[in-house]
Amino acid sequence: LFRIRIDNAGGAWCPRTQIDEIQYEYLEVNLQQLHVLTAVETQGRFGGGHGKEYPLHYILEYWRPGRGGQWIRYKDQQRNEV
C-alpha cells in the first residue's frame, strides 16, 4: 500500500471503466479511527516508461462520525477546494 516513488512491477489501481462526465470512480481508505493527516501523496503508473498513466485531477473528501454521514470536500485554510 505504501509504495510511493518506486516502480516495482509497474502496477496501479485503475478504475473499472473509462472515466468521463457521467462515470464516477473512487478509492476509499478506511483508517479505522480518527487521525490527523498532514499530507496526501499520490502517484500515477509509470510502468518502466510504457504506462505514464495518471489522473489530471482528483477530489479529496473525508468522512467523520457525527457529521450526518456526509462526505465533506477538503478545503485549504483559505476555503479553496484543492
PDB file of N, CA and C in Angstrom:
ATOM      1  N   LEU A   1       0.818  -1.200   0.000  1.00  0.00           N
ATOM      2  CA  LEU A   1       0.000   0.000   0.000  1.00  0.00           C
ATOM      3  C   LEU A   1       0.856   1.256   0.000  1.00  0.00           C
ATOM      4  N   PHE A   2       1.971   1.257   0.674  1.00  0.00           N
ATOM      5  CA  PHE A   2       2.801   2.459   0.780  1.00  0.00           C
ATOM      6  C   PHE A   2       4.025   2.325  -0.114  1.00  0.00           C
ATOM      7  N   ARG A   3       3.814   2.378  -1.437  1.00  0.00           N
ATOM      8  CA  ARG A   3       4.904   2.200  -2.395  1.00  0.00           C
ATOM      9  C   ARG A   3       5.144   3.460  -3.202  1.00  0.00           C
ATOM     10  N   ILE A   4       5.031   4.591  -2.621  1.00  0.00           N
ATOM     11  CA  ILE A   4       5.165   5.845  -3.366  1.00  0.00           C
ATOM     12  C   ILE A   4       6.617   6.030  -3.812  1.00  0.00           C
ATOM     13  N   ARG A   5       6.810   6.567  -4.983  1.00  0.00           N
ATOM     14  CA  ARG A   5       8.102   6.894  -5.596  1.00  0.00           C
ATOM     15  C   ARG A   5       8.945   5.681  -5.978  1.00  0.00           C
ATOM     16  N   ILE A   6       8.316   4.530  -6.148  1.00  0.00           N
ATOM     17  CA  ILE A   6       9.028   3.368  -6.680  1.00  0.00           C
ATOM     18  C   ILE A   6       8.202   2.787  -7.825  1.00  0.00           C
ATOM     19  N   ASP A   7       8.823   2.000  -8.665  1.00  0.00           N
ATOM     20  CA  ASP A   7       8.164   1.491  -9.865  1.00  0.00           C
ATOM     21  C   ASP A   7       8.243  -0.032  -9.933  1.00  0.00           C
ATOM     22  N   ASN A   8       8.081  -0.701  -8.798  1.00  0.00           N
ATOM     23  CA  ASN A   8       8.134  -2.163  -8.780  1.00  0.00           C
ATOM     24  C   ASN A   8       6.956  -2.754  -9.536  1.00  0.00           C
ATOM     25  N   ALA A   9       7.206  -3.542 -10.536  1.00  0.00           N
ATOM     26  CA  ALA A   9       6.217  -4.296 -11.308  1.00  0.00           C
ATOM     27  C   ALA A   9       5.268  -3.422 -12.112  1.00  0.00           C
ATOM     28  N   GLY A  10       5.343  -2.118 -12.010  1.00  0.00           N
ATOM     29  CA  GLY A  10       4.556  -1.220 -12.851  1.00  0.00           C
ATOM     30  C   GLY A  10       3.055  -1.263 -12.654  1.00  0.00           C
ATOM     31  N   GLY A  11       2.553  -1.865 -11.575  1.00  0.00           N
ATOM     32  CA  GLY A  11       1.116  -1.975 -11.348  1.00  0.00           C
ATOM     33  C   GLY A  11       0.518  -0.703 -10.781  1.00  0.00           C
ATOM     34  N   ALA A  12      -0.809  -0.639 -10.790  1.00  0.00           N
ATOM     35  CA  ALA A  12      -1.501   0.529 -10.267  1.00  0.00           C
ATOM     36  C   ALA A  12      -2.966   0.199 -10.052  1.00  0.00           C
ATOM     37  N   TRP A  13      -3.631   0.962  -9.179  1.00  0.00           N
ATOM     38  CA  TRP A  13      -5.084   0.890  -9.073  1.00  0.00           C
ATOM     39  C   TRP A  13      -5.644   1.592 -10.289  1.00  0.00           C
ATOM     40  N   CYS A  14      -6.635   0.995 -10.920  1.00  0.00           N
ATOM     41  CA  CYS A  14      -7.290   1.603 -12.079  1.00  0.00           C
ATOM     42  C   CYS A  14      -8.796   1.494 -11.909  1.00  0.00           C
ATOM     43  N   PRO A  15      -9.539   2.480 -12.386  1.00  0.00           N
ATOM     44  CA  PRO A  15     -10.996   2.384 -12.309  1.00  0.00           C
ATOM     45  C   PRO A  15     -11.509   1.249 -13.187  1.00  0.00           C
ATOM     46  N   ARG A  16     -12.681   0.760 -12.842  1.00  0.00           N
ATOM     47  CA  ARG A  16     -13.276  -0.355 -13.577  1.00  0.00           C
ATOM     48  C   ARG A  16     -13.610   0.013 -15.015  1.00  0.00           C
ATOM     49  N   THR A  17     -14.089   1.251 -15.229  1.00  0.00           N
ATOM     50  CA  THR A  17     -14.477   1.692 -16.567  1.00  0.00           C
ATOM     51  C   THR A  17     -13.767   2.995 -16.909  1.00  0.00           C
ATOM     52  N   GLN A  18     -13.811   3.359 -18.173  1.00  0.00           N
ATOM     53  CA  GLN A  18     -13.244   4.635 -18.611  1.00  0.00           C
ATOM     54  C   GLN A  18     -13.991   5.779 -17.933  1.00  0.00           C
ATOM     55  N   ILE A  19     -13.272   6.762 -17.434  1.00  0.00           N
ATOM     56  CA  ILE A  19     -13.869   7.885 -16.724  1.00  0.00           C
ATOM     57  C   ILE A  19     -14.294   8.965 -17.718  1.00  0.00           C
ATOM     58  N   ASP A  20     -15.477   9.511 -17.480  1.00  0.00           N
ATOM     59  CA  ASP A  20     -15.962  10.657 -18.249  1.00  0.00           C
ATOM     60  C   ASP A  20     -16.880  11.479 -17.346  1.00  0.00           C
ATOM     61  N   GLU A  21     -17.670  12.381 -17.906  1.00  0.00           N
ATOM     62  CA  GLU A  21     -18.516  13.257 -17.099  1.00  0.00           C
ATOM     63  C   GLU A  21     -19.592  12.489 -16.335  1.00  0.00           C
ATOM     64  N   ILE A  22     -19.953  11.305 -16.813  1.00  0.00           N
ATOM     65  CA  ILE A  22     -21.030  10.525 -16.203  1.00  0.00           C
ATOM     66  C   ILE A  22     -20.484   9.484 -15.227  1.00  0.00           C
ATOM     67  N   GLN A  23     -19.327   8.912 -15.520  1.00  0.00           N
ATOM     68  CA  GLN A  23     -18.740   7.861 -14.693  1.00  0.00           C
ATOM     69  C   GLN A  23     -18.070   8.459 -13.464  1.00  0.00           C
ATOM     70  N   TYR A  24     -18.270   7.824 -12.316  1.00  0.00           N
ATOM     71  CA  TYR A  24     -17.681   8.297 -11.065  1.00  0.00           C
ATOM     72  C   TYR A  24     -17.011   7.118 -10.381  1.00  0.00           C
ATOM     73  N   GLU A  25     -15.728   7.155 -10.225  1.00  0.00           N
ATOM     74  CA  GLU A  25     -14.972   6.103  -9.546  1.00  0.00           C
ATOM     75  C   GLU A  25     -14.266   6.707  -8.347  1.00  0.00           C
ATOM     76  N   TYR A  26     -13.968   5.877  -7.375  1.00  0.00           N
ATOM     77  CA  TYR A  26     -13.299   6.391  -6.185  1.00  0.00           C
ATOM     78  C   TYR A  26     -12.406   5.326  -5.564  1.00  0.00           C
ATOM     79  N   LEU A  27     -11.495   5.790  -4.773  1.00  0.00           N
ATOM     80  CA  LEU A  27     -10.629   4.943  -3.970  1.00  0.00           C
ATOM     81  C   LEU A  27     -10.842   5.377  -2.528  1.00  0.00           C
ATOM     82  N   GLU A  28     -11.268   4.462  -1.680  1.00  0.00           N
ATOM     83  CA  GLU A  28     -11.575   4.782  -0.286  1.00  0.00           C
ATOM     84  C   GLU A  28     -10.557   4.117   0.627  1.00  0.00           C
ATOM     85  N   VAL A  29     -10.051   4.875   1.587  1.00  0.00           N
ATOM     86  CA  VAL A  29      -9.114   4.359   2.581  1.00  0.00           C
ATOM     87  C   VAL A  29      -9.756   4.525   3.947  1.00  0.00           C
ATOM     88  N   ASN A  30      -9.951   3.428   4.667  1.00  0.00           N
ATOM     89  CA  ASN A  30     -10.558   3.458   5.995  1.00  0.00           C
ATOM     90  C   ASN A  30      -9.447   3.357   7.035  1.00  0.00           C
ATOM     91  N   LEU A  31      -9.240   4.410   7.799  1.00  0.00           N
ATOM     92  CA  LEU A  31      -8.178   4.434   8.806  1.00  0.00           C
ATOM     93  C   LEU A  31      -8.639   3.882  10.154  1.00  0.00           C
ATOM     94  N   GLN A  32      -9.874   3.418  10.251  1.00  0.00           N
ATOM     95  CA  GLN A  32     -10.454   2.757  11.416  1.00  0.00           C
ATOM     96  C   GLN A  32     -10.725   3.673  12.612  1.00  0.00           C
ATOM     97  N   GLN A  33      -9.971   4.727  12.764  1.00  0.00           N
ATOM     98  CA  GLN A  33     -10.187   5.672  13.860  1.00  0.00           C
ATOM     99  C   GLN A  33      -9.760   7.060  13.404  1.00  0.00           C
ATOM    100  N   LEU A  34     -10.095   8.064  14.203  1.00  0.00           N
ATOM    101  CA  LEU A  34      -9.799   9.444  13.840  1.00  0.00           C
ATOM    102  C   LEU A  34      -8.291   9.690  13.829  1.00  0.00           C
ATOM    103  N   HIS A  35      -7.788  10.275  12.740  1.00  0.00           N
ATOM    104  CA  HIS A  35      -6.379  10.628  12.583  1.00  0.00           C
ATOM    105  C   HIS A  35      -6.283  12.045  12.038  1.00  0.00           C
ATOM    106  N   VAL A  36      -5.181  12.698  12.286  1.00  0.00           N
ATOM    107  CA  VAL A  36      -4.876  13.977  11.651  1.00  0.00           C
ATOM    108  C   VAL A  36      -3.897  13.682  10.523  1.00  0.00           C
ATOM    109  N   LEU A  37      -4.310  13.949   9.293  1.00  0.00           N
ATOM    110  CA  LEU A  37      -3.432  13.752   8.142  1.00  0.00           C
ATOM    111  C   LEU A  37      -2.777  15.079   7.808  1.00  0.00           C
ATOM    112  N   THR A  38      -1.485  15.063   7.612  1.00  0.00           N
ATOM    113  CA  THR A  38      -0.765  16.295   7.284  1.00  0.00           C
ATOM    114  C   THR A  38      -0.376  16.358   5.813  1.00  0.00           C
ATOM    115  N   ALA A  39      -0.532  15.246   5.103  1.00  0.00           N
ATOM    116  CA  ALA A  39      -0.211  15.231   3.674  1.00  0.00           C
ATOM    117  C   ALA A  39      -0.869  14.023   3.021  1.00  0.00           C
ATOM    118  N   VAL A  40      -1.175  14.165   1.757  1.00  0.00           N
ATOM    119  CA  VAL A  40      -1.657  13.060   0.929  1.00  0.00           C
ATOM    120  C   VAL A  40      -0.828  13.096  -0.342  1.00  0.00           C
ATOM    121  N   GLU A  41      -0.205  11.981  -0.659  1.00  0.00           N
ATOM    122  CA  GLU A  41       0.639  11.922  -1.850  1.00  0.00           C
ATOM    123  C   GLU A  41       0.155  10.786  -2.741  1.00  0.00           C
ATOM    124  N   THR A  42      -0.011  11.069  -4.009  1.00  0.00           N
ATOM    125  CA  THR A  42      -0.422  10.046  -4.966  1.00  0.00           C
ATOM    126  C   THR A  42       0.582   9.992  -6.110  1.00  0.00           C
ATOM    127  N   GLN A  43       0.546   8.902  -6.823  1.00  0.00           N
ATOM    128  CA  GLN A  43       1.466   8.747  -7.951  1.00  0.00           C
ATOM    129  C   GLN A  43       0.757   7.955  -9.033  1.00  0.00           C
ATOM    130  N   GLY A  44       1.011   8.287 -10.255  1.00  0.00           N
ATOM    131  CA  GLY A  44       0.445   7.552 -11.385  1.00  0.00           C
ATOM    132  C   GLY A  44       1.249   6.298 -11.678  1.00  0.00           C
ATOM    133  N   ARG A  45       0.893   5.629 -12.745  1.00  0.00           N
ATOM    134  CA  ARG A  45       1.580   4.404 -13.151  1.00  0.00           C
ATOM    135  C   ARG A  45       2.581   4.741 -14.241  1.00  0.00           C
ATOM    136  N   PHE A  46       3.835   4.461 -13.968  1.00  0.00           N
ATOM    137  CA  PHE A  46       4.893   4.739 -14.928  1.00  0.00           C
ATOM    138  C   PHE A  46       5.197   3.501 -15.761  1.00  0.00           C
ATOM    139  N   GLY A  47       5.230   2.351 -15.145  1.00  0.00           N
ATOM    140  CA  GLY A  47       5.428   1.085 -15.865  1.00  0.00           C
ATOM    141  C   GLY A  47       6.697   1.032 -16.688  1.00  0.00           C
ATOM    142  N   GLY A  48       7.818   1.494 -16.126  1.00  0.00           N
ATOM    143  CA  GLY A  48       9.084   1.466 -16.846  1.00  0.00           C
ATOM    144  C   GLY A  48       9.080   2.335 -18.095  1.00  0.00           C
ATOM    145  N   GLY A  49       8.242   3.355 -18.114  1.00  0.00           N
ATOM    146  CA  GLY A  49       8.183   4.244 -19.268  1.00  0.00           C
ATOM    147  C   GLY A  49       7.119   3.867 -20.281  1.00  0.00           C
ATOM    148  N   HIS A  50       6.436   2.735 -20.057  1.00  0.00           N
ATOM    149  CA  HIS A  50       5.429   2.271 -21.009  1.00  0.00           C
ATOM    150  C   HIS A  50       4.020   2.730 -20.646  1.00  0.00           C
ATOM    151  N   GLY A  51       3.771   3.007 -19.376  1.00  0.00           N
ATOM    152  CA  GLY A  51       2.419   3.357 -18.944  1.00  0.00           C
ATOM    153  C   GLY A  51       2.150   4.842 -18.959  1.00  0.00           C
ATOM    154  N   LYS A  52       2.820   5.559 -18.070  1.00  0.00           N
ATOM    155  CA  LYS A  52       2.641   7.004 -17.927  1.00  0.00           C
ATOM    156  C   LYS A  52       1.161   7.363 -17.812  1.00  0.00           C
ATOM    157  N   GLU A  53       0.468   6.722 -16.890  1.00  0.00           N
ATOM    158  CA  GLU A  53      -0.960   6.946 -16.691  1.00  0.00           C
ATOM    159  C   GLU A  53      -1.188   7.577 -15.326  1.00  0.00           C
ATOM    160  N   TYR A  54      -1.973   8.635 -15.311  1.00  0.00           N
ATOM    161  CA  TYR A  54      -2.269   9.330 -14.061  1.00  0.00           C
ATOM    162  C   TYR A  54      -3.474  10.237 -14.266  1.00  0.00           C
ATOM    163  N   PRO A  55      -4.208  10.543 -13.199  1.00  0.00           N
ATOM    164  CA  PRO A  55      -5.333  11.471 -13.343  1.00  0.00           C
ATOM    165  C   PRO A  55      -4.825  12.900 -13.464  1.00  0.00           C
ATOM    166  N   LEU A  56      -5.518  13.695 -14.240  1.00  0.00           N
ATOM    167  CA  LEU A  56      -5.168  15.112 -14.341  1.00  0.00           C
ATOM    168  C   LEU A  56      -5.595  15.867 -13.095  1.00  0.00           C
ATOM    169  N   HIS A  57      -6.641  15.390 -12.437  1.00  0.00           N
ATOM    170  CA  HIS A  57      -7.082  15.979 -11.175  1.00  0.00           C
ATOM    171  C   HIS A  57      -7.925  14.956 -10.422  1.00  0.00           C
ATOM    172  N   TYR A  58      -8.087  15.179  -9.142  1.00  0.00           N
ATOM    173  CA  TYR A  58      -8.978  14.366  -8.331  1.00  0.00           C
ATOM    174  C   TYR A  58      -9.487  15.209  -7.175  1.00  0.00           C
ATOM    175  N   ILE A  59     -10.507  14.717  -6.517  1.00  0.00           N
ATOM    176  CA  ILE A  59     -11.138  15.414  -5.399  1.00  0.00           C
ATOM    177  C   ILE A  59     -10.827  14.640  -4.128  1.00  0.00           C
ATOM    178  N   LEU A  60     -10.487  15.345  -3.074  1.00  0.00           N
ATOM    179  CA  LEU A  60     -10.225  14.724  -1.782  1.00  0.00           C
ATOM    180  C   LEU A  60     -11.404  15.017  -0.866  1.00  0.00           C
ATOM    181  N   GLU A  61     -12.034  13.962  -0.364  1.00  0.00           N
ATOM    182  CA  GLU A  61     -13.151  14.099   0.564  1.00  0.00           C
ATOM    183  C   GLU A  61     -12.855  13.274   1.804  1.00  0.00           C
ATOM    184  N   TYR A  62     -13.477  13.649   2.914  1.00  0.00           N
ATOM    185  CA  TYR A  62     -13.312  12.893   4.150  1.00  0.00           C
ATOM    186  C   TYR A  62     -14.658  12.745   4.840  1.00  0.00           C
ATOM    187  N   TRP A  63     -14.730  11.762   5.730  1.00  0.00           N
ATOM    188  CA  TRP A  63     -15.943  11.479   6.486  1.00  0.00           C
ATOM    189  C   TRP A  63     -15.569  11.396   7.953  1.00  0.00           C
ATOM    190  N   ARG A  64     -16.379  12.017   8.791  1.00  0.00           N
ATOM    191  CA  ARG A  64     -16.146  11.956  10.237  1.00  0.00           C
ATOM    192  C   ARG A  64     -17.435  11.561  10.936  1.00  0.00           C
ATOM    193  N   PRO A  65     -17.331  10.738  11.985  1.00  0.00           N
ATOM    194  CA  PRO A  65     -18.531  10.376  12.745  1.00  0.00           C
ATOM    195  C   PRO A  65     -19.189  11.638  13.315  1.00  0.00           C
ATOM    196  N   GLY A  66     -20.500  11.628  13.382  1.00  0.00           N
ATOM    197  CA  GLY A  66     -21.220  12.756  13.959  1.00  0.00           C
ATOM    198  C   GLY A  66     -21.471  13.894  12.988  1.00  0.00           C
ATOM    199  N   ARG A  67     -21.142  13.725  11.742  1.00  0.00           N
ATOM    200  CA  ARG A  67     -21.355  14.770  10.728  1.00  0.00           C
ATOM    201  C   ARG A  67     -22.524  14.420   9.809  1.00  0.00           C
ATOM    202  N   GLY A  68     -23.442  13.603  10.287  1.00  0.00           N
ATOM    203  CA  GLY A  68     -24.622  13.268   9.496  1.00  0.00           C
ATOM    204  C   GLY A  68     -24.365  12.285   8.372  1.00  0.00           C
ATOM    205  N   GLY A  69     -23.253  11.582   8.412  1.00  0.00           N
ATOM    206  CA  GLY A  69     -22.951  10.599   7.382  1.00  0.00           C
ATOM    207  C   GLY A  69     -22.569  11.191   6.037  1.00  0.00           C
ATOM    208  N   GLN A  70     -22.298  12.466   5.986  1.00  0.00           N
ATOM    209  CA  GLN A  70     -21.952  13.141   4.732  1.00  0.00           C
ATOM    210  C   GLN A  70     -20.446  13.118   4.494  1.00  0.00           C
ATOM    211  N   TRP A  71     -20.067  12.941   3.236  1.00  0.00           N
ATOM    212  CA  TRP A  71     -18.670  13.122   2.847  1.00  0.00           C
ATOM    213  C   TRP A  71     -18.442  14.617   2.668  1.00  0.00           C
ATOM    214  N   ILE A  72     -17.327  15.117   3.183  1.00  0.00           N
ATOM    215  CA  ILE A  72     -17.022  16.549   3.160  1.00  0.00           C
ATOM    216  C   ILE A  72     -15.836  16.775   2.239  1.00  0.00           C
ATOM    217  N   ARG A  73     -15.975  17.689   1.307  1.00  0.00           N
ATOM    218  CA  ARG A  73     -14.888  18.007   0.394  1.00  0.00           C
ATOM    219  C   ARG A  73     -13.820  18.806   1.131  1.00  0.00           C
ATOM    220  N   TYR A  74     -12.563  18.375   0.994  1.00  0.00           N
ATOM    221  CA  TYR A  74     -11.469  19.054   1.685  1.00  0.00           C
ATOM    222  C   TYR A  74     -11.237  20.436   1.091  1.00  0.00           C
ATOM    223  N   LYS A  75     -11.017  21.411   1.975  1.00  0.00           N
ATOM    224  CA  LYS A  75     -10.677  22.777   1.564  1.00  0.00           C
ATOM    225  C   LYS A  75      -9.464  23.228   2.360  1.00  0.00           C
ATOM    226  N   ASP A  76      -8.621  24.055   1.741  1.00  0.00           N
ATOM    227  CA  ASP A  76      -7.443  24.566   2.436  1.00  0.00           C
ATOM    228  C   ASP A  76      -7.844  25.676   3.408  1.00  0.00           C
ATOM    229  N   GLN A  77      -6.860  26.303   4.042  1.00  0.00           N
ATOM    230  CA  GLN A  77      -7.141  27.329   5.048  1.00  0.00           C
ATOM    231  C   GLN A  77      -7.843  28.548   4.473  1.00  0.00           C
ATOM    232  N   GLN A  78      -7.721  28.777   3.169  1.00  0.00           N
ATOM    233  CA  GLN A  78      -8.415  29.893   2.515  1.00  0.00           C
ATOM    234  C   GLN A  78      -9.789  29.460   1.986  1.00  0.00           C
ATOM    235  N   ARG A  79     -10.228  28.239   2.347  1.00  0.00           N
ATOM    236  CA  ARG A  79     -11.528  27.687   1.958  1.00  0.00           C
ATOM    237  C   ARG A  79     -11.606  27.338   0.473  1.00  0.00           C
ATOM    238  N   ASN A  80     -10.452  27.137  -0.165  1.00  0.00           N
ATOM    239  CA  ASN A  80     -10.403  26.718  -1.567  1.00  0.00           C
ATOM    240  C   ASN A  80     -10.356  25.196  -1.635  1.00  0.00           C
ATOM    241  N   GLU A  81     -11.160  24.615  -2.523  1.00  0.00           N
ATOM    242  CA  GLU A  81     -11.046  23.179  -2.745  1.00  0.00           C
ATOM    243  C   GLU A  81      -9.716  22.907  -3.428  1.00  0.00           C
ATOM    244  N   VAL A  82      -9.034  21.877  -2.974  1.00  0.00           N
ATOM    245  CA  VAL A  82      -7.742  21.531  -3.563  1.00  0.00           C
ATOM    246  C   VAL A  82      -7.802  20.165  -4.200  1.00  0.00           C
TER     247      VAL A  82
END
